[in-house]
N, C-alpha and C. Protein backbone atom coordinates (compact mmCIF):
# COMPACT_ATOMS: atom_id res chain seq x y z
N MET A 1 -65.61 10.28 -6.81
CA MET A 1 -64.84 9.91 -7.42
C MET A 1 -63.85 10.58 -7.59
N LEU A 2 -64.44 12.31 -7.97
CA LEU A 2 -63.27 13.69 -8.21
C LEU A 2 -62.06 13.75 -7.30
N LEU A 3 -62.43 13.08 -5.81
CA LEU A 3 -61.44 13.76 -4.94
C LEU A 3 -60.63 12.33 -5.01
N ARG A 4 -61.23 11.36 -5.12
CA ARG A 4 -60.66 10.01 -5.41
C ARG A 4 -59.43 10.01 -6.21
N GLU A 5 -59.92 10.29 -7.37
CA GLU A 5 -58.76 10.67 -8.01
C GLU A 5 -57.70 11.34 -8.17
N GLU A 6 -57.65 12.40 -7.48
CA GLU A 6 -57.02 13.68 -7.06
C GLU A 6 -55.80 12.55 -6.59
N TYR A 7 -56.62 12.06 -5.44
CA TYR A 7 -55.70 11.46 -4.77
C TYR A 7 -54.45 10.63 -5.63
N ASP A 8 -55.33 10.11 -5.71
CA ASP A 8 -54.41 8.29 -6.24
C ASP A 8 -53.17 9.23 -7.27
N ASN A 9 -53.56 10.37 -8.12
CA ASN A 9 -52.92 10.67 -9.05
C ASN A 9 -51.22 11.70 -8.30
N ALA A 10 -51.99 12.18 -7.15
CA ALA A 10 -50.86 12.51 -6.09
C ALA A 10 -50.09 12.00 -5.37
N THR A 11 -50.85 11.33 -4.89
CA THR A 11 -50.26 9.04 -5.17
C THR A 11 -48.54 8.66 -5.66
N ALA A 12 -50.06 8.46 -7.05
CA ALA A 12 -48.62 8.28 -7.62
C ALA A 12 -47.07 9.14 -8.77
N MET A 13 -47.62 11.23 -7.96
CA MET A 13 -46.85 11.88 -8.32
C MET A 13 -45.61 11.35 -6.77
N THR A 14 -46.08 10.64 -6.17
CA THR A 14 -45.36 11.82 -4.45
C THR A 14 -44.68 10.08 -5.48
N ARG A 15 -44.70 9.18 -5.48
CA ARG A 15 -44.19 7.91 -5.48
C ARG A 15 -42.90 9.13 -6.61
N THR A 16 -43.11 8.92 -7.75
CA THR A 16 -42.26 8.90 -9.21
C THR A 16 -41.75 10.04 -8.35
N LEU A 17 -41.70 10.77 -7.96
CA LEU A 17 -40.96 11.99 -7.47
C LEU A 17 -39.99 11.82 -6.16
N GLU A 18 -40.48 10.60 -5.63
CA GLU A 18 -39.60 10.43 -4.20
C GLU A 18 -38.17 9.23 -5.29
N ALA A 19 -38.69 8.55 -6.76
CA ALA A 19 -38.55 7.34 -7.67
C ALA A 19 -36.73 8.02 -8.29
N ASN A 20 -37.78 9.41 -8.66
CA ASN A 20 -36.42 10.65 -9.16
C ASN A 20 -35.30 11.07 -8.35
N LEU A 21 -35.98 11.42 -7.14
CA LEU A 21 -34.56 12.15 -5.29
C LEU A 21 -33.87 11.40 -5.41
N THR A 22 -34.18 9.48 -5.92
CA THR A 22 -33.10 8.75 -5.39
C THR A 22 -32.24 8.71 -6.10
N GLU A 23 -32.75 8.88 -7.69
CA GLU A 23 -31.97 8.43 -7.89
C GLU A 23 -30.94 9.82 -8.52
N THR A 24 -31.62 10.26 -8.42
CA THR A 24 -31.00 11.83 -8.72
C THR A 24 -29.88 11.28 -7.26
N GLU A 25 -29.95 11.45 -6.26
CA GLU A 25 -28.61 11.38 -5.20
C GLU A 25 -28.40 10.04 -5.18
N ARG A 26 -28.79 9.58 -6.15
CA ARG A 26 -27.10 7.94 -6.89
C ARG A 26 -26.37 9.16 -7.33
N MET A 27 -27.18 9.32 -8.69
CA MET A 27 -26.14 10.26 -9.67
C MET A 27 -25.46 11.82 -8.61
N LEU A 28 -25.91 12.42 -7.73
CA LEU A 28 -25.14 12.78 -7.65
C LEU A 28 -23.78 12.20 -6.90
N ILE A 29 -23.97 10.67 -5.75
CA ILE A 29 -22.59 10.38 -4.84
C ILE A 29 -21.90 9.28 -6.03
N GLU A 30 -22.17 9.22 -7.68
CA GLU A 30 -21.22 8.72 -8.32
C GLU A 30 -20.25 9.86 -9.23
N GLN A 31 -21.19 11.01 -8.56
CA GLN A 31 -20.47 11.59 -10.14
C GLN A 31 -18.88 13.27 -8.51
N LYS A 32 -19.82 12.44 -7.29
CA LYS A 32 -18.82 12.66 -5.72
C LYS A 32 -17.26 12.21 -6.68
N ASN A 33 -18.30 10.74 -6.05
CA ASN A 33 -17.05 9.71 -5.88
C ASN A 33 -15.81 10.36 -7.75
N ARG A 34 -16.37 10.28 -8.43
CA ARG A 34 -15.62 10.90 -9.73
C ARG A 34 -14.39 12.05 -9.45
N ASN A 35 -15.77 13.13 -9.15
CA ASN A 35 -14.66 14.42 -8.36
C ASN A 35 -14.14 14.36 -7.68
N ASP A 36 -13.76 13.15 -6.73
CA ASP A 36 -12.62 13.26 -5.78
C ASP A 36 -11.75 12.36 -6.28
N ASN A 37 -12.07 11.84 -7.29
CA ASN A 37 -11.20 10.49 -7.88
C ASN A 37 -10.20 11.76 -8.89
N LEU A 38 -10.70 11.96 -9.63
CA LEU A 38 -9.84 13.29 -10.68
C LEU A 38 -9.55 14.52 -10.14
N THR A 39 -9.91 14.46 -8.86
CA THR A 39 -9.39 15.55 -7.65
C THR A 39 -7.50 15.11 -7.40
N LYS A 40 -7.69 13.52 -7.12
CA LYS A 40 -6.77 12.78 -6.51
C LYS A 40 -5.49 13.39 -8.30
N GLU A 41 -6.57 12.71 -9.00
CA GLU A 41 -5.19 12.92 -10.34
C GLU A 41 -4.20 13.40 -10.43
N ILE A 42 -5.23 15.06 -9.79
CA ILE A 42 -4.43 16.24 -10.64
C ILE A 42 -3.15 16.45 -10.10
N THR A 43 -3.49 16.29 -8.31
CA THR A 43 -2.59 16.37 -7.41
C THR A 43 -2.09 15.87 -7.75
N GLU A 44 -1.17 14.28 -7.56
CA GLU A 44 -0.79 13.18 -8.78
C GLU A 44 0.12 14.25 -9.76
N LEU A 45 -0.39 14.42 -10.64
CA LEU A 45 0.41 14.57 -12.23
C LEU A 45 0.24 16.19 -11.90
N LYS A 46 0.62 16.84 -10.93
CA LYS A 46 0.92 18.60 -10.56
C LYS A 46 2.43 17.76 -10.23
N GLY A 47 2.22 16.74 -8.91
CA GLY A 47 3.53 16.21 -8.26
C GLY A 47 4.32 16.26 -10.21
N VAL A 48 3.79 15.09 -10.34
CA VAL A 48 5.00 14.48 -11.12
C VAL A 48 5.75 15.94 -12.12
N ARG A 49 4.43 16.72 -12.88
CA ARG A 49 5.05 18.06 -13.29
C ARG A 49 6.71 18.97 -12.30
N LYS A 50 6.52 19.04 -11.63
CA LYS A 50 7.33 19.39 -10.28
C LYS A 50 9.01 18.58 -10.49
N CYS A 51 8.50 16.99 -9.85
CA CYS A 51 9.33 15.96 -10.21
C CYS A 51 10.80 16.67 -11.43
N ALA A 52 11.67 16.50 -10.44
CA ALA A 52 13.25 17.35 -11.01
C ALA A 52 13.51 16.35 -11.43
N ASP A 53 14.53 16.21 -13.47
CA ASP A 53 15.30 15.16 -14.20
C ASP A 53 15.49 13.98 -13.38
N ASP A 54 16.39 14.40 -12.09
CA ASP A 54 16.54 13.12 -11.50
C ASP A 54 15.86 12.41 -10.71
N TRP A 55 15.83 12.76 -10.58
CA TRP A 55 14.24 12.50 -9.57
C TRP A 55 13.01 11.01 -10.39
N LYS A 56 12.69 10.58 -10.40
CA LYS A 56 11.48 9.10 -11.33
C LYS A 56 10.39 9.21 -9.97
N TYR A 57 8.87 8.92 -10.79
CA TYR A 57 7.83 9.28 -9.72
C TYR A 57 7.32 7.87 -9.83
N PHE A 58 6.55 7.28 -8.43
CA PHE A 58 6.33 5.55 -9.12
C PHE A 58 4.75 5.56 -7.90
N LYS A 59 3.34 5.88 -8.84
CA LYS A 59 2.00 5.45 -7.54
C LYS A 59 2.59 6.43 -6.36
N GLY A 60 2.68 7.80 -6.20
CA GLY A 60 2.37 9.28 -5.52
C GLY A 60 4.17 9.65 -4.62
N THR A 61 4.54 8.15 -5.24
CA THR A 61 5.93 8.80 -4.15
C THR A 61 7.44 9.03 -5.15
N PHE A 62 8.50 10.00 -4.75
CA PHE A 62 9.81 10.20 -6.21
C PHE A 62 10.24 9.48 -5.26
N TYR A 63 11.44 9.08 -6.90
CA TYR A 63 12.66 8.00 -6.16
C TYR A 63 13.65 8.75 -7.12
N HIS A 64 15.16 8.92 -6.39
CA HIS A 64 15.99 9.31 -7.04
C HIS A 64 17.01 8.28 -6.59
N PHE A 65 17.16 7.83 -7.68
CA PHE A 65 18.22 6.14 -7.54
C PHE A 65 20.16 7.21 -8.46
N SER A 66 20.80 7.23 -7.53
CA SER A 66 22.21 7.20 -6.87
C SER A 66 22.62 6.48 -7.64
N THR A 67 24.33 6.30 -8.55
CA THR A 67 25.14 5.72 -9.04
C THR A 67 26.20 5.35 -7.92
N ASP A 68 26.48 6.50 -7.27
CA ASP A 68 27.45 6.39 -6.06
C ASP A 68 27.80 4.92 -5.63
N GLU A 69 28.59 5.02 -5.34
CA GLU A 69 28.54 4.06 -3.97
C GLU A 69 29.18 4.42 -3.09
N LYS A 70 27.99 3.64 -2.18
CA LYS A 70 28.02 4.49 -0.75
C LYS A 70 27.91 3.33 0.27
N ASN A 71 28.97 3.41 1.17
CA ASN A 71 27.80 2.24 2.38
C ASN A 71 27.09 2.92 2.92
N TRP A 72 26.13 1.71 3.74
CA TRP A 72 24.47 2.59 4.63
C TRP A 72 24.22 4.04 5.01
N THR A 73 25.67 4.68 5.20
CA THR A 73 25.14 5.70 6.56
C THR A 73 25.80 6.29 5.97
N GLU A 74 26.88 6.47 4.50
CA GLU A 74 26.46 7.57 3.32
C GLU A 74 25.11 7.68 3.07
N SER A 75 24.88 6.61 2.80
CA SER A 75 23.43 6.37 1.35
C SER A 75 22.42 7.22 2.43
N ARG A 76 22.31 6.92 3.73
CA ARG A 76 20.91 7.66 4.36
C ARG A 76 21.60 9.07 4.64
N ASP A 77 22.94 9.35 4.88
CA ASP A 77 22.78 10.92 4.80
C ASP A 77 22.61 11.64 3.72
N ALA A 78 22.93 10.76 2.80
CA ALA A 78 22.66 11.81 1.40
C ALA A 78 21.18 12.30 1.03
N CYS A 79 20.32 11.09 1.17
CA CYS A 79 18.92 11.44 1.09
C CYS A 79 18.07 11.84 2.31
N VAL A 80 18.90 11.70 3.52
CA VAL A 80 18.62 12.98 3.81
C VAL A 80 18.83 14.13 3.67
N THR A 81 20.03 14.78 3.17
CA THR A 81 20.95 15.91 1.85
C THR A 81 19.62 16.22 0.96
N LEU A 82 19.07 15.03 0.11
CA LEU A 82 18.20 15.38 -0.96
C LEU A 82 16.47 15.69 -0.16
N GLY A 83 16.66 15.17 0.98
CA GLY A 83 15.01 15.57 2.00
C GLY A 83 14.45 14.68 1.55
N GLY A 84 15.14 13.13 1.10
CA GLY A 84 14.26 11.70 1.29
C GLY A 84 14.54 10.93 2.53
N HIS A 85 14.13 9.92 2.19
CA HIS A 85 14.76 9.28 3.21
C HIS A 85 15.53 7.52 2.85
N LEU A 86 16.95 6.40 2.70
CA LEU A 86 16.65 5.49 1.39
C LEU A 86 15.58 4.58 1.96
N VAL A 87 15.25 3.67 0.96
CA VAL A 87 13.59 3.35 0.91
C VAL A 87 14.10 1.60 1.04
N ILE A 88 13.93 0.68 1.19
CA ILE A 88 14.06 -0.89 0.16
C ILE A 88 12.65 -0.80 -1.43
N ILE A 89 13.51 -1.33 -2.29
CA ILE A 89 12.56 -1.54 -3.16
C ILE A 89 12.76 -2.87 -2.85
N ASN A 90 10.77 -3.33 -3.28
CA ASN A 90 10.22 -3.96 -3.67
C ASN A 90 9.42 -4.31 -4.41
N SER A 91 9.56 -3.76 -6.02
CA SER A 91 9.23 -4.63 -7.13
C SER A 91 9.97 -3.99 -8.37
N GLN A 92 9.87 -4.14 -9.25
CA GLN A 92 10.64 -4.08 -10.63
C GLN A 92 10.05 -2.96 -11.05
N GLN A 93 8.81 -2.89 -10.86
CA GLN A 93 8.08 -1.90 -11.27
C GLN A 93 8.55 -0.85 -11.07
N GLU A 94 9.24 -0.77 -9.55
CA GLU A 94 9.39 0.55 -8.19
C GLU A 94 10.71 0.93 -9.24
N MET A 95 11.41 -0.02 -9.95
CA MET A 95 12.81 0.41 -9.84
C MET A 95 12.76 0.76 -11.77
N VAL A 96 11.71 1.30 -12.47
CA VAL A 96 11.94 2.43 -13.75
C VAL A 96 12.27 3.14 -13.59
């Protein structure tokens, strides 16, 4: 009878440890996801900090709004000179 009790206790302990392991693995994955999100946010914020005064940052992209009147070709060339590309603004938020 003593051997059976030890077996039952060991089986119960194994189940408890397996459940704890599963929960720990779930928490580890959750923490890794949080860490990945924070790393992305830090990278974006570093970009914002480096943003020149006359540039605007929106959702991971930098924009420069010129008030100079130019045709399309001149505008494109000015963007290339600044290291960028002429873009189409798709939303009101993008223009802020």
